[in-house]
Protein backbone atom coordinates (compact mmCIF):
# COMPACT_ATOMS: atom_id res chain seq x y z
CA MET A 1 -85.40 -6.26 64.19
CA ASN A 2 -88.52 -8.18 63.19
CA TRP A 3 -88.64 -11.91 62.57
CA LYS A 4 -88.96 -11.59 58.75
CA ARG A 5 -85.72 -9.63 58.54
CA LEU A 6 -83.97 -12.13 60.84
CA LEU A 7 -85.25 -15.02 58.73
CA PHE A 8 -84.07 -13.27 55.56
CA LEU A 9 -80.55 -12.68 56.93
CA THR A 10 -80.29 -16.21 58.33
CA HIS A 11 -81.34 -17.67 54.98
CA ARG A 12 -78.82 -15.48 53.15
CA TRP A 13 -75.83 -16.41 55.35
CA ILE A 14 -76.68 -20.11 55.45
CA GLY A 15 -76.92 -19.98 51.64
CA ILE A 16 -73.54 -18.27 51.35
CA GLY A 17 -71.93 -20.80 53.69
CA MET A 18 -73.41 -23.77 51.82
CA CYS A 19 -72.39 -22.24 48.49
CA LEU A 20 -68.78 -22.08 49.68
CA LEU A 21 -69.00 -25.63 51.01
CA PHE A 22 -70.29 -26.99 47.68
CA ALA A 23 -67.72 -24.97 45.72
CA LEU A 24 -64.91 -26.52 47.78
CA TRP A 25 -66.49 -29.97 47.38
CA PHE A 26 -66.64 -29.49 43.61
CA ALA A 27 -63.04 -28.25 43.46
CA SER A 28 -61.78 -31.18 45.54
CA GLY A 29 -63.59 -33.57 43.19
CA ILE A 30 -61.79 -32.03 40.21
CA VAL A 31 -58.46 -32.46 42.00
CA MET A 32 -59.27 -36.08 42.88
CA MET A 33 -59.92 -36.87 39.20
CA TYR A 34 -56.39 -35.90 38.17
CA VAL A 35 -54.19 -36.65 41.18
CA ASP A 36 -53.39 -40.31 41.85
CA TYR A 37 -53.66 -41.78 45.30
CA PRO A 38 -50.36 -42.83 46.86
CA GLU A 39 -49.78 -46.56 46.55
CA LEU A 40 -47.87 -48.88 48.83
CA THR A 41 -45.14 -51.03 47.43
CA TYR A 42 -45.37 -54.77 48.04
CA VAL A 43 -42.70 -54.58 50.74
CA GLU A 44 -44.54 -51.76 52.57
CA SER A 45 -47.82 -53.64 52.34
CA VAL A 46 -46.36 -56.87 53.74
CA ALA A 47 -44.56 -54.97 56.52
CA ALA A 48 -47.87 -53.50 57.69
CA HIS A 49 -49.52 -56.92 58.20
CA PRO A 50 -48.94 -58.92 61.37
CA ASP A 51 -47.18 -62.26 61.09
CA LEU A 52 -49.38 -65.34 60.80
CA GLN A 53 -49.31 -67.30 64.03
CA ARG A 54 -49.63 -70.88 62.86
CA ASP A 55 -49.83 -72.28 66.37
CA ARG A 56 -53.18 -70.50 66.83
CA VAL A 57 -54.83 -72.18 63.81
CA GLU A 58 -57.33 -74.76 65.09
CA LEU A 59 -59.02 -76.01 61.89
CA THR A 60 -57.80 -77.18 58.54
CA PRO A 61 -59.38 -75.46 55.53
CA PHE A 62 -61.49 -78.56 54.89
CA GLU A 63 -62.79 -78.66 58.46
CA ALA A 64 -63.64 -74.98 58.27
CA ALA A 65 -65.48 -75.51 54.98
CA ARG A 66 -67.49 -78.38 56.49
CA THR A 67 -68.68 -76.19 59.37
CA CYS A 68 -69.63 -73.14 57.30
CA ALA A 69 -73.24 -72.30 56.60
CA PHE A 70 -72.98 -72.59 52.81
CA PRO A 71 -72.83 -75.99 51.16
CA ILE A 72 -69.73 -76.56 49.04
CA ARG A 73 -70.53 -77.53 45.49
CA PRO A 74 -68.09 -79.50 43.37
CA LYS A 75 -66.42 -77.53 40.58
CA GLY A 76 -67.62 -78.06 37.06
CA ARG A 77 -71.22 -78.69 38.02
CA LEU A 78 -73.36 -76.05 36.32
CA PHE A 79 -76.87 -77.41 36.64
CA SER A 80 -78.62 -79.55 39.21
CA SER A 81 -80.62 -82.51 38.10
CA ALA A 82 -84.26 -83.05 39.02
CA ASN A 83 -83.26 -85.80 41.51
CA ASP A 84 -81.00 -83.54 43.61
CA SER A 85 -82.18 -82.81 47.08
CA THR A 86 -79.99 -79.68 47.31
């Protein structure tokens, strides 16, 4: 068998395989449009989370906000004045 024939057959079978793959992908997309995902109830969702260990908390929310990289702006302030250094 010469290399042109081998290349032709390889191209054909790779094309057939990819055609089947894309057909299945298309069909699964159609199914996903019409079938809803299962949803957890509130009780199931809460049961899946670990309990909060309050004894491990080291900072208050205000201390954590002071140490973060982003400055905290007061609410209600839409524009900065020309005198602001921030």
